Full PDB file with SEQRES, HELIX, SHEET, SSBOND, CRYST1, ORIGX, SCALE, CONECT and MASTER records, all heavy atoms in Angstrom:
SEQRES   1 A   44  VAL TYR SER SER ASP SER ASP TYR GLY TRP MET ASN GLY          
SEQRES   2 A   44  THR SER ALA ALA LEU ALA LEU SER ALA ALA LEU LEU PHE          
SEQRES   3 A   44  ILE GLY ALA GLY TYR ALA THR GLU LEU ARG ALA ARG LYS          
SEQRES   4 A   44  ALA ALA THR ALA SER                                          
HELIX    1 AA1 ASP A    7  ALA A   43  1                                  37    
CRYST1    1.000    1.000    1.000  90.00  90.00  90.00 P 1           1          
ORIGX1      1.000000  0.000000  0.000000        0.00000                         
ORIGX2      0.000000  1.000000  0.000000        0.00000                         
ORIGX3      0.000000  0.000000  1.000000        0.00000                         
SCALE1      1.000000  0.000000  0.000000        0.00000                         
SCALE2      0.000000  1.000000  0.000000        0.00000                         
SCALE3      0.000000  0.000000  1.000000        0.00000                         
ATOM      1  N   VAL A   1      26.738  -3.715  20.732  1.00  0.00           N  
ATOM      2  CA  VAL A   1      25.779  -4.681  20.111  1.00  0.00           C  
ATOM      3  C   VAL A   1      26.283  -4.952  18.633  1.00  0.00           C  
ATOM      4  O   VAL A   1      26.769  -3.984  17.991  1.00  0.00           O  
ATOM      5  CB  VAL A   1      24.424  -4.199  20.120  1.00  0.00           C  
ATOM      6  CG1 VAL A   1      23.409  -5.158  19.342  1.00  0.00           C  
ATOM      7  CG2 VAL A   1      23.938  -3.864  21.497  1.00  0.00           C  
ATOM      8  N   TYR A   2      26.191  -6.204  18.205  1.00  0.00           N  
ATOM      9  CA  TYR A   2      26.279  -6.474  16.786  1.00  0.00           C  
ATOM     10  C   TYR A   2      25.221  -7.509  16.390  1.00  0.00           C  
ATOM     11  O   TYR A   2      24.725  -8.309  17.215  1.00  0.00           O  
ATOM     12  CB  TYR A   2      27.694  -7.069  16.472  1.00  0.00           C  
ATOM     13  CG  TYR A   2      28.059  -8.393  17.147  1.00  0.00           C  
ATOM     14  CD1 TYR A   2      27.863  -9.644  16.381  1.00  0.00           C  
ATOM     15  CD2 TYR A   2      28.631  -8.520  18.343  1.00  0.00           C  
ATOM     16  CE1 TYR A   2      28.162 -10.830  16.960  1.00  0.00           C  
ATOM     17  CE2 TYR A   2      28.973  -9.591  18.991  1.00  0.00           C  
ATOM     18  CZ  TYR A   2      28.742 -10.859  18.201  1.00  0.00           C  
ATOM     19  OH  TYR A   2      29.078 -12.064  18.804  1.00  0.00           O  
ATOM     20  N   SER A   3      24.808  -7.393  15.124  1.00  0.00           N  
ATOM     21  CA  SER A   3      23.734  -8.327  14.587  1.00  0.00           C  
ATOM     22  C   SER A   3      24.280  -9.574  14.301  1.00  0.00           C  
ATOM     23  O   SER A   3      25.349  -9.729  13.749  1.00  0.00           O  
ATOM     24  CB  SER A   3      23.096  -7.588  13.405  1.00  0.00           C  
ATOM     25  OG  SER A   3      22.110  -8.413  12.836  1.00  0.00           O  
ATOM     26  N   SER A   4      23.477 -10.589  14.579  1.00  0.00           N  
ATOM     27  CA  SER A   4      23.919 -12.010  14.278  1.00  0.00           C  
ATOM     28  C   SER A   4      23.793 -12.396  12.795  1.00  0.00           C  
ATOM     29  O   SER A   4      24.445 -13.105  12.308  1.00  0.00           O  
ATOM     30  CB  SER A   4      23.061 -13.013  15.149  1.00  0.00           C  
ATOM     31  OG  SER A   4      21.703 -12.897  14.588  1.00  0.00           O  
ATOM     32  N   ASP A   5      22.971 -11.454  12.052  1.00  0.00           N  
ATOM     33  CA  ASP A   5      22.773 -11.723  10.607  1.00  0.00           C  
ATOM     34  C   ASP A   5      22.492 -10.318   9.918  1.00  0.00           C  
ATOM     35  O   ASP A   5      21.574  -9.679  10.401  1.00  0.00           O  
ATOM     36  CB  ASP A   5      21.584 -12.776  10.453  1.00  0.00           C  
ATOM     37  CG  ASP A   5      21.558 -13.305   9.012  1.00  0.00           C  
ATOM     38  OD1 ASP A   5      22.231 -12.706   8.090  1.00  0.00           O  
ATOM     39  OD2 ASP A   5      20.827 -14.134   8.826  1.00  0.00           O  
ATOM     40  N   SER A   6      23.173  -9.949   8.957  1.00  0.00           N  
ATOM     41  CA  SER A   6      23.023  -8.828   8.375  1.00  0.00           C  
ATOM     42  C   SER A   6      21.702  -8.719   7.439  1.00  0.00           C  
ATOM     43  O   SER A   6      21.214  -7.702   7.046  1.00  0.00           O  
ATOM     44  CB  SER A   6      24.153  -8.346   7.461  1.00  0.00           C  
ATOM     45  OG  SER A   6      24.337  -9.333   6.502  1.00  0.00           O  
ATOM     46  N   ASP A   7      21.168  -9.927   7.190  1.00  0.00           N  
ATOM     47  CA  ASP A   7      19.957  -9.981   6.353  1.00  0.00           C  
ATOM     48  C   ASP A   7      18.698  -9.466   6.972  1.00  0.00           C  
ATOM     49  O   ASP A   7      17.814  -9.132   6.256  1.00  0.00           O  
ATOM     50  CB  ASP A   7      19.725 -11.521   5.942  1.00  0.00           C  
ATOM     51  CG  ASP A   7      20.706 -12.104   4.998  1.00  0.00           C  
ATOM     52  OD1 ASP A   7      21.400 -11.238   4.241  1.00  0.00           O  
ATOM     53  OD2 ASP A   7      20.804 -13.394   4.908  1.00  0.00           O  
ATOM     54  N   TYR A   8      18.700  -9.292   8.249  1.00  0.00           N  
ATOM     55  CA  TYR A   8      17.514  -8.812   8.864  1.00  0.00           C  
ATOM     56  C   TYR A   8      17.190  -7.343   8.335  1.00  0.00           C  
ATOM     57  O   TYR A   8      16.071  -6.973   8.317  1.00  0.00           O  
ATOM     58  CB  TYR A   8      17.691  -8.721  10.385  1.00  0.00           C  
ATOM     59  CG  TYR A   8      17.672 -10.123  11.001  1.00  0.00           C  
ATOM     60  CD1 TYR A   8      18.691 -10.553  11.884  1.00  0.00           C  
ATOM     61  CD2 TYR A   8      16.679 -11.027  10.765  1.00  0.00           C  
ATOM     62  CE1 TYR A   8      18.673 -11.787  12.409  1.00  0.00           C  
ATOM     63  CE2 TYR A   8      16.625 -12.327  11.207  1.00  0.00           C  
ATOM     64  CZ  TYR A   8      17.656 -12.769  12.158  1.00  0.00           C  
ATOM     65  OH  TYR A   8      17.668 -13.974  12.665  1.00  0.00           O  
ATOM     66  N   GLY A   9      18.265  -6.640   7.946  1.00  0.00           N  
ATOM     67  CA  GLY A   9      17.942  -5.249   7.556  1.00  0.00           C  
ATOM     68  C   GLY A   9      17.170  -5.157   6.273  1.00  0.00           C  
ATOM     69  O   GLY A   9      16.256  -4.427   6.080  1.00  0.00           O  
ATOM     70  N   TRP A  10      17.602  -6.007   5.265  1.00  0.00           N  
ATOM     71  CA  TRP A  10      16.892  -6.016   4.015  1.00  0.00           C  
ATOM     72  C   TRP A  10      15.469  -6.634   4.208  1.00  0.00           C  
ATOM     73  O   TRP A  10      14.476  -6.245   3.447  1.00  0.00           O  
ATOM     74  CB  TRP A  10      17.596  -6.702   2.899  1.00  0.00           C  
ATOM     75  CG  TRP A  10      17.602  -8.141   2.753  1.00  0.00           C  
ATOM     76  CD1 TRP A  10      18.827  -8.885   3.266  1.00  0.00           C  
ATOM     77  CD2 TRP A  10      16.755  -9.005   2.461  1.00  0.00           C  
ATOM     78  NE1 TRP A  10      18.487 -10.146   3.049  1.00  0.00           N  
ATOM     79  CE2 TRP A  10      17.261 -10.311   2.438  1.00  0.00           C  
ATOM     80  CE3 TRP A  10      15.434  -8.899   1.772  1.00  0.00           C  
ATOM     81  CZ2 TRP A  10      16.632 -11.444   2.164  1.00  0.00           C  
ATOM     82  CZ3 TRP A  10      14.872 -10.077   1.365  1.00  0.00           C  
ATOM     83  CH2 TRP A  10      15.320 -11.313   1.631  1.00  0.00           C  
ATOM     84  N   MET A  11      15.358  -7.574   5.136  1.00  0.00           N  
ATOM     85  CA  MET A  11      14.040  -8.261   5.255  1.00  0.00           C  
ATOM     86  C   MET A  11      13.064  -7.238   5.879  1.00  0.00           C  
ATOM     87  O   MET A  11      11.910  -7.234   5.529  1.00  0.00           O  
ATOM     88  CB  MET A  11      14.280  -9.530   6.165  1.00  0.00           C  
ATOM     89  CG  MET A  11      14.909 -10.646   5.510  1.00  0.00           C  
ATOM     90  SD  MET A  11      14.953 -12.025   6.716  1.00  0.00           S  
ATOM     91  CE  MET A  11      16.202 -13.056   5.920  1.00  0.00           C  
ATOM     92  N   ASN A  12      13.518  -6.500   6.899  1.00  0.00           N  
ATOM     93  CA  ASN A  12      12.661  -5.442   7.539  1.00  0.00           C  
ATOM     94  C   ASN A  12      12.336  -4.429   6.432  1.00  0.00           C  
ATOM     95  O   ASN A  12      11.121  -3.947   6.326  1.00  0.00           O  
ATOM     96  CB  ASN A  12      13.396  -4.833   8.609  1.00  0.00           C  
ATOM     97  CG  ASN A  12      13.450  -5.639   9.929  1.00  0.00           C  
ATOM     98  OD1 ASN A  12      12.485  -6.466  10.150  1.00  0.00           O  
ATOM     99  ND2 ASN A  12      14.678  -5.681  10.619  1.00  0.00           N  
ATOM    100  N   GLY A  13      13.229  -3.912   5.742  1.00  0.00           N  
ATOM    101  CA  GLY A  13      12.969  -2.825   4.667  1.00  0.00           C  
ATOM    102  C   GLY A  13      11.968  -3.306   3.562  1.00  0.00           C  
ATOM    103  O   GLY A  13      11.033  -2.701   3.293  1.00  0.00           O  
ATOM    104  N   THR A  14      12.264  -4.538   3.101  1.00  0.00           N  
ATOM    105  CA  THR A  14      11.442  -5.095   2.034  1.00  0.00           C  
ATOM    106  C   THR A  14      10.037  -5.380   2.520  1.00  0.00           C  
ATOM    107  O   THR A  14       9.010  -4.956   1.768  1.00  0.00           O  
ATOM    108  CB  THR A  14      12.171  -6.314   1.455  1.00  0.00           C  
ATOM    109  OG1 THR A  14      13.319  -5.973   1.004  1.00  0.00           O  
ATOM    110  CG2 THR A  14      11.321  -6.866   0.400  1.00  0.00           C  
ATOM    111  N   SER A  15       9.898  -6.001   3.686  1.00  0.00           N  
ATOM    112  CA  SER A  15       8.584  -6.328   4.142  1.00  0.00           C  
ATOM    113  C   SER A  15       7.762  -5.011   4.432  1.00  0.00           C  
ATOM    114  O   SER A  15       6.645  -4.904   4.183  1.00  0.00           O  
ATOM    115  CB  SER A  15       8.522  -7.286   5.359  1.00  0.00           C  
ATOM    116  OG  SER A  15       9.194  -6.771   6.490  1.00  0.00           O  
ATOM    117  N   ALA A  16       8.449  -4.057   5.054  1.00  0.00           N  
ATOM    118  CA  ALA A  16       7.779  -2.744   5.214  1.00  0.00           C  
ATOM    119  C   ALA A  16       7.317  -2.027   4.032  1.00  0.00           C  
ATOM    120  O   ALA A  16       6.302  -1.504   3.942  1.00  0.00           O  
ATOM    121  CB  ALA A  16       8.701  -1.888   6.198  1.00  0.00           C  
ATOM    122  N   ALA A  17       8.220  -2.027   3.005  1.00  0.00           N  
ATOM    123  CA  ALA A  17       7.912  -1.331   1.733  1.00  0.00           C  
ATOM    124  C   ALA A  17       6.791  -1.989   1.046  1.00  0.00           C  
ATOM    125  O   ALA A  17       5.876  -1.384   0.491  1.00  0.00           O  
ATOM    126  CB  ALA A  17       9.118  -1.288   0.887  1.00  0.00           C  
ATOM    127  N   LEU A  18       6.776  -3.380   1.065  1.00  0.00           N  
ATOM    128  CA  LEU A  18       5.735  -4.145   0.319  1.00  0.00           C  
ATOM    129  C   LEU A  18       4.298  -3.932   1.136  1.00  0.00           C  
ATOM    130  O   LEU A  18       3.362  -3.810   0.434  1.00  0.00           O  
ATOM    131  CB  LEU A  18       6.057  -5.578   0.260  1.00  0.00           C  
ATOM    132  CG  LEU A  18       7.170  -5.875  -0.787  1.00  0.00           C  
ATOM    133  CD1 LEU A  18       7.599  -7.452  -0.686  1.00  0.00           C  
ATOM    134  CD2 LEU A  18       6.588  -5.654  -2.074  1.00  0.00           C  
ATOM    135  N   ALA A  19       4.409  -4.029   2.419  1.00  0.00           N  
ATOM    136  CA  ALA A  19       3.178  -3.692   3.210  1.00  0.00           C  
ATOM    137  C   ALA A  19       2.591  -2.278   3.002  1.00  0.00           C  
ATOM    138  O   ALA A  19       1.405  -2.070   2.846  1.00  0.00           O  
ATOM    139  CB  ALA A  19       3.394  -3.889   4.696  1.00  0.00           C  
ATOM    140  N   LEU A  20       3.529  -1.265   2.946  1.00  0.00           N  
ATOM    141  CA  LEU A  20       3.104   0.088   2.657  1.00  0.00           C  
ATOM    142  C   LEU A  20       2.489   0.156   1.262  1.00  0.00           C  
ATOM    143  O   LEU A  20       1.505   0.813   1.105  1.00  0.00           O  
ATOM    144  CB  LEU A  20       4.220   1.009   2.836  1.00  0.00           C  
ATOM    145  CG  LEU A  20       3.898   2.465   2.577  1.00  0.00           C  
ATOM    146  CD1 LEU A  20       2.782   3.032   3.583  1.00  0.00           C  
ATOM    147  CD2 LEU A  20       5.125   3.327   2.761  1.00  0.00           C  
ATOM    148  N   SER A  21       3.031  -0.413   0.343  1.00  0.00           N  
ATOM    149  CA  SER A  21       2.641  -0.577  -1.055  1.00  0.00           C  
ATOM    150  C   SER A  21       1.263  -1.150  -1.191  1.00  0.00           C  
ATOM    151  O   SER A  21       0.399  -0.568  -1.835  1.00  0.00           O  
ATOM    152  CB  SER A  21       3.607  -1.277  -1.991  1.00  0.00           C  
ATOM    153  OG  SER A  21       4.792  -0.588  -2.046  1.00  0.00           O  
ATOM    154  N   ALA A  22       1.149  -2.232  -0.459  1.00  0.00           N  
ATOM    155  CA  ALA A  22      -0.235  -2.948  -0.455  1.00  0.00           C  
ATOM    156  C   ALA A  22      -1.224  -2.128   0.146  1.00  0.00           C  
ATOM    157  O   ALA A  22      -2.396  -1.913  -0.483  1.00  0.00           O  
ATOM    158  CB  ALA A  22      -0.106  -4.258   0.293  1.00  0.00           C  
ATOM    159  N   ALA A  23      -1.036  -1.355   1.261  1.00  0.00           N  
ATOM    160  CA  ALA A  23      -1.971  -0.518   1.769  1.00  0.00           C  
ATOM    161  C   ALA A  23      -2.434   0.765   0.814  1.00  0.00           C  
ATOM    162  O   ALA A  23      -3.404   0.982   0.727  1.00  0.00           O  
ATOM    163  CB  ALA A  23      -1.418   0.080   3.083  1.00  0.00           C  
ATOM    164  N   LEU A  24      -1.391   1.184   0.298  1.00  0.00           N  
ATOM    165  CA  LEU A  24      -1.604   2.360  -0.639  1.00  0.00           C  
ATOM    166  C   LEU A  24      -2.412   1.900  -1.848  1.00  0.00           C  
ATOM    167  O   LEU A  24      -3.269   2.555  -2.307  1.00  0.00           O  
ATOM    168  CB  LEU A  24      -0.375   3.007  -1.039  1.00  0.00           C  
ATOM    169  CG  LEU A  24       0.335   3.785   0.014  1.00  0.00           C  
ATOM    170  CD1 LEU A  24       1.758   4.359  -0.512  1.00  0.00           C  
ATOM    171  CD2 LEU A  24      -0.394   4.969   0.508  1.00  0.00           C  
ATOM    172  N   LEU A  25      -2.070   0.757  -2.355  1.00  0.00           N  
ATOM    173  CA  LEU A  25      -2.786   0.151  -3.543  1.00  0.00           C  
ATOM    174  C   LEU A  25      -4.352  -0.132  -3.113  1.00  0.00           C  
ATOM    175  O   LEU A  25      -5.281   0.227  -3.939  1.00  0.00           O  
ATOM    176  CB  LEU A  25      -2.242  -1.098  -4.083  1.00  0.00           C  
ATOM    177  CG  LEU A  25      -0.828  -0.696  -4.788  1.00  0.00           C  
ATOM    178  CD1 LEU A  25      -0.134  -1.995  -5.037  1.00  0.00           C  
ATOM    179  CD2 LEU A  25      -1.211  -0.032  -6.180  1.00  0.00           C  
ATOM    180  N   PHE A  26      -4.587  -0.625  -1.979  1.00  0.00           N  
ATOM    181  CA  PHE A  26      -5.906  -0.930  -1.485  1.00  0.00           C  
ATOM    182  C   PHE A  26      -6.689   0.452  -1.325  1.00  0.00           C  
ATOM    183  O   PHE A  26      -7.812   0.480  -1.732  1.00  0.00           O  
ATOM    184  CB  PHE A  26      -5.951  -1.711  -0.229  1.00  0.00           C  
ATOM    185  CG  PHE A  26      -5.809  -3.118  -0.371  1.00  0.00           C  
ATOM    186  CD1 PHE A  26      -4.884  -3.948   0.252  1.00  0.00           C  
ATOM    187  CD2 PHE A  26      -6.798  -3.836  -1.153  1.00  0.00           C  
ATOM    188  CE1 PHE A  26      -4.835  -5.335   0.055  1.00  0.00           C  
ATOM    189  CE2 PHE A  26      -6.772  -5.262  -1.279  1.00  0.00           C  
ATOM    190  CZ  PHE A  26      -5.715  -6.041  -0.705  1.00  0.00           C  
ATOM    191  N   ILE A  27      -5.949   1.366  -0.826  1.00  0.00           N  
ATOM    192  CA  ILE A  27      -6.621   2.636  -0.617  1.00  0.00           C  
ATOM    193  C   ILE A  27      -6.892   3.392  -1.965  1.00  0.00           C  
ATOM    194  O   ILE A  27      -8.029   3.903  -2.210  1.00  0.00           O  
ATOM    195  CB  ILE A  27      -5.666   3.660   0.221  1.00  0.00           C  
ATOM    196  CG1 ILE A  27      -5.723   3.164   1.582  1.00  0.00           C  
ATOM    197  CG2 ILE A  27      -6.266   5.101   0.191  1.00  0.00           C  
ATOM    198  CD1 ILE A  27      -4.687   3.828   2.460  1.00  0.00           C  
ATOM    199  N   GLY A  28      -5.986   3.142  -2.884  1.00  0.00           N  
ATOM    200  CA  GLY A  28      -6.244   3.708  -4.265  1.00  0.00           C  
ATOM    201  C   GLY A  28      -7.262   2.970  -4.989  1.00  0.00           C  
ATOM    202  O   GLY A  28      -8.118   3.627  -5.603  1.00  0.00           O  
ATOM    203  N   ALA A  29      -7.554   1.687  -4.679  1.00  0.00           N  
ATOM    204  CA  ALA A  29      -8.742   0.944  -5.285  1.00  0.00           C  
ATOM    205  C   ALA A  29      -9.981   1.620  -4.721  1.00  0.00           C  
ATOM    206  O   ALA A  29     -10.966   1.701  -5.469  1.00  0.00           O  
ATOM    207  CB  ALA A  29      -8.544  -0.488  -5.102  1.00  0.00           C  
ATOM    208  N   GLY A  30     -10.028   1.755  -3.441  1.00  0.00           N  
ATOM    209  CA  GLY A  30     -11.109   2.346  -2.784  1.00  0.00           C  
ATOM    210  C   GLY A  30     -11.525   3.655  -3.318  1.00  0.00           C  
ATOM    211  O   GLY A  30     -12.667   4.059  -3.507  1.00  0.00           O  
ATOM    212  N   TYR A  31     -10.366   4.469  -3.534  1.00  0.00           N  
ATOM    213  CA  TYR A  31     -10.627   5.950  -4.002  1.00  0.00           C  
ATOM    214  C   TYR A  31     -11.192   5.822  -5.416  1.00  0.00           C  
ATOM    215  O   TYR A  31     -12.153   6.604  -5.820  1.00  0.00           O  
ATOM    216  CB  TYR A  31      -9.296   6.596  -3.934  1.00  0.00           C  
ATOM    217  CG  TYR A  31      -9.498   7.961  -4.526  1.00  0.00           C  
ATOM    218  CD1 TYR A  31     -10.115   9.033  -3.835  1.00  0.00           C  
ATOM    219  CD2 TYR A  31      -8.860   8.288  -5.833  1.00  0.00           C  
ATOM    220  CE1 TYR A  31     -10.129  10.298  -4.436  1.00  0.00           C  
ATOM    221  CE2 TYR A  31      -8.961   9.579  -6.393  1.00  0.00           C  
ATOM    222  CZ  TYR A  31      -9.563  10.644  -5.676  1.00  0.00           C  
ATOM    223  OH  TYR A  31      -9.617  11.824  -6.169  1.00  0.00           O  
ATOM    224  N   ALA A  32     -10.629   4.930  -6.249  1.00  0.00           N  
ATOM    225  CA  ALA A  32     -11.019   4.767  -7.671  1.00  0.00           C  
ATOM    226  C   ALA A  32     -12.527   4.290  -7.715  1.00  0.00           C  
ATOM    227  O   ALA A  32     -13.392   4.849  -8.495  1.00  0.00           O  
ATOM    228  CB  ALA A  32     -10.230   3.857  -8.421  1.00  0.00           C  
ATOM    229  N   THR A  33     -12.965   3.453  -6.778  1.00  0.00           N  
ATOM    230  CA  THR A  33     -14.399   3.006  -6.694  1.00  0.00           C  
ATOM    231  C   THR A  33     -15.334   4.146  -6.306  1.00  0.00           C  
ATOM    232  O   THR A  33     -16.303   4.378  -6.938  1.00  0.00           O  
ATOM    233  CB  THR A  33     -14.513   1.767  -5.620  1.00  0.00           C  
ATOM    234  OG1 THR A  33     -13.677   0.784  -6.153  1.00  0.00           O  
ATOM    235  CG2 THR A  33     -15.932   1.409  -5.665  1.00  0.00           C  
ATOM    236  N   GLU A  34     -14.781   4.959  -5.403  1.00  0.00           N  
ATOM    237  CA  GLU A  34     -15.584   6.149  -4.890  1.00  0.00           C  
ATOM    238  C   GLU A  34     -15.758   7.179  -5.996  1.00  0.00           C  
ATOM    239  O   GLU A  34     -16.791   7.776  -6.214  1.00  0.00           O  
ATOM    240  CB  GLU A  34     -14.931   6.728  -3.654  1.00  0.00           C  
ATOM    241  CG  GLU A  34     -15.650   7.901  -3.182  1.00  0.00           C  
ATOM    242  CD  GLU A  34     -17.012   7.722  -2.482  1.00  0.00           C  
ATOM    243  OE1 GLU A  34     -17.266   6.541  -2.141  1.00  0.00           O  
ATOM    244  OE2 GLU A  34     -17.792   8.665  -2.429  1.00  0.00           O  
ATOM    245  N   LEU A  35     -14.700   7.387  -6.646  1.00  0.00           N  
ATOM    246  CA  LEU A  35     -14.604   8.361  -7.798  1.00  0.00           C  
ATOM    247  C   LEU A  35     -15.587   7.914  -8.895  1.00  0.00           C  
ATOM    248  O   LEU A  35     -16.355   8.844  -9.452  1.00  0.00           O  
ATOM    249  CB  LEU A  35     -13.181   8.585  -8.296  1.00  0.00           C  
ATOM    250  CG  LEU A  35     -12.949   9.654  -9.339  1.00  0.00           C  
ATOM    251  CD1 LEU A  35     -13.247  11.023  -8.666  1.00  0.00           C  
ATOM    252  CD2 LEU A  35     -11.587   9.603  -9.783  1.00  0.00           C  
ATOM    253  N   ARG A  36     -15.573   6.680  -9.198  1.00  0.00           N  
ATOM    254  CA  ARG A  36     -16.461   6.142 -10.243  1.00  0.00           C  
ATOM    255  C   ARG A  36     -17.977   6.307  -9.773  1.00  0.00           C  
ATOM    256  O   ARG A  36     -18.832   6.646 -10.570  1.00  0.00           O  
ATOM    257  CB  ARG A  36     -16.078   4.707 -10.540  1.00  0.00           C  
ATOM    258  CG  ARG A  36     -17.031   4.096 -11.596  1.00  0.00           C  
ATOM    259  CD  ARG A  36     -16.656   2.541 -11.795  1.00  0.00           C  
ATOM    260  NE  ARG A  36     -15.436   2.509 -12.672  1.00  0.00           N  
ATOM    261  CZ  ARG A  36     -15.497   2.291 -13.976  1.00  0.00           C  
ATOM    262  NH1 ARG A  36     -16.617   2.114 -14.478  1.00  0.00           N  
ATOM    263  NH2 ARG A  36     -14.306   2.322 -14.782  1.00  0.00           N  
ATOM    264  N   ALA A  37     -18.158   6.003  -8.489  1.00  0.00           N  
ATOM    265  CA  ALA A  37     -19.535   6.133  -8.060  1.00  0.00           C  
ATOM    266  C   ALA A  37     -20.071   7.639  -8.032  1.00  0.00           C  
ATOM    267  O   ALA A  37     -21.189   7.859  -8.443  1.00  0.00           O  
ATOM    268  CB  ALA A  37     -19.722   5.561  -6.657  1.00  0.00           C  
ATOM    269  N   ARG A  38     -19.247   8.527  -7.729  1.00  0.00           N  
ATOM    270  CA  ARG A  38     -19.532   9.986  -7.764  1.00  0.00           C  
ATOM    271  C   ARG A  38     -19.746  10.484  -9.184  1.00  0.00           C  
ATOM    272  O   ARG A  38     -20.689  11.244  -9.412  1.00  0.00           O  
ATOM    273  CB  ARG A  38     -18.421  10.819  -7.062  1.00  0.00           C  
ATOM    274  CG  ARG A  38     -18.430  10.695  -5.600  1.00  0.00           C  
ATOM    275  CD  ARG A  38     -17.443  11.518  -4.950  1.00  0.00           C  
ATOM    276  NE  ARG A  38     -17.256  11.371  -3.539  1.00  0.00           N  
ATOM    277  CZ  ARG A  38     -16.647  12.245  -2.783  1.00  0.00           C  
ATOM    278  NH1 ARG A  38     -15.956  13.138  -3.206  1.00  0.00           N  
ATOM    279  NH2 ARG A  38     -16.574  11.807  -1.480  1.00  0.00           N  
ATOM    280  N   LYS A  39     -19.003  10.010 -10.077  1.00  0.00           N  
ATOM    281  CA  LYS A  39     -19.178  10.364 -11.431  1.00  0.00           C  
ATOM    282  C   LYS A  39     -20.430   9.847 -12.038  1.00  0.00           C  
ATOM    283  O   LYS A  39     -21.091  10.480 -12.803  1.00  0.00           O  
ATOM    284  CB  LYS A  39     -17.929   9.784 -12.296  1.00  0.00           C  
ATOM    285  CG  LYS A  39     -17.758  10.464 -13.660  1.00  0.00           C  
ATOM    286  CD  LYS A  39     -16.613  10.035 -14.387  1.00  0.00           C  
ATOM    287  CE  LYS A  39     -15.304  10.681 -14.056  1.00  0.00           C  
ATOM    288  NZ  LYS A  39     -14.260  10.235 -14.961  1.00  0.00           N  
ATOM    289  N   ALA A  40     -20.838   8.586 -11.675  1.00  0.00           N  
ATOM    290  CA  ALA A  40     -22.105   7.950 -12.075  1.00  0.00           C  
ATOM    291  C   ALA A  40     -23.260   8.714 -11.555  1.00  0.00           C  
ATOM    292  O   ALA A  40     -24.226   8.936 -12.178  1.00  0.00           O  
ATOM    293  CB  ALA A  40     -22.113   6.582 -11.780  1.00  0.00           C  
ATOM    294  N   ALA A  41     -23.112   9.191 -10.189  1.00  0.00           N  
ATOM    295  CA  ALA A  41     -24.231   9.864  -9.531  1.00  0.00           C  
ATOM    296  C   ALA A  41     -24.432  11.308 -10.230  1.00  0.00           C  
ATOM    297  O   ALA A  41     -25.615  11.707 -10.197  1.00  0.00           O  
ATOM    298  CB  ALA A  41     -23.882  10.052  -8.104  1.00  0.00           C  
ATOM    299  N   THR A  42     -23.343  11.919 -10.529  1.00  0.00           N  
ATOM    300  CA  THR A  42     -23.563  13.327 -11.215  1.00  0.00           C  
ATOM    301  C   THR A  42     -23.984  13.240 -12.614  1.00  0.00           C  
ATOM    302  O   THR A  42     -24.651  14.147 -13.049  1.00  0.00           O  
ATOM    303  CB  THR A  42     -22.256  14.046 -11.061  1.00  0.00           C  
ATOM    304  OG1 THR A  42     -21.249  13.423 -11.801  1.00  0.00           O  
ATOM    305  CG2 THR A  42     -21.769  14.370  -9.665  1.00  0.00           C  
ATOM    306  N   ALA A  43     -23.727  12.115 -13.305  1.00  0.00           N  
ATOM    307  CA  ALA A  43     -24.155  11.973 -14.645  1.00  0.00           C  
ATOM    308  C   ALA A  43     -25.678  11.622 -14.820  1.00  0.00           C  
ATOM    309  O   ALA A  43     -26.210  11.972 -15.797  1.00  0.00           O  
ATOM    310  CB  ALA A  43     -23.311  10.906 -15.375  1.00  0.00           C  
ATOM    311  N   SER A  44     -26.246  11.093 -13.697  1.00  0.00           N  
ATOM    312  CA  SER A  44     -27.644  10.733 -13.923  1.00  0.00           C  
ATOM    313  C   SER A  44     -28.568  11.732 -13.331  1.00  0.00           C  
ATOM    314  O   SER A  44     -28.547  12.732 -13.147  1.00  0.00           O  
ATOM    315  CB  SER A  44     -27.896   9.404 -13.249  1.00  0.00           C  
ATOM    316  OG  SER A  44     -27.444   9.360 -11.752  1.00  0.00           O  
TER     317      SER A  44                                                      
MASTER        0    0    0    1    0    0    0    6  316    1    0    4          
END                                                                             
């Protein structure tokens, strides 16, 4: 087998890395919100 276009390699890697980064950043935002809510609950 040979690939018809070598660009598919970087496209797969880049889209996967960006999708993983997006997921981690969304999870981080949720964690930061939860942490802020817990801190506010313990302060009051």
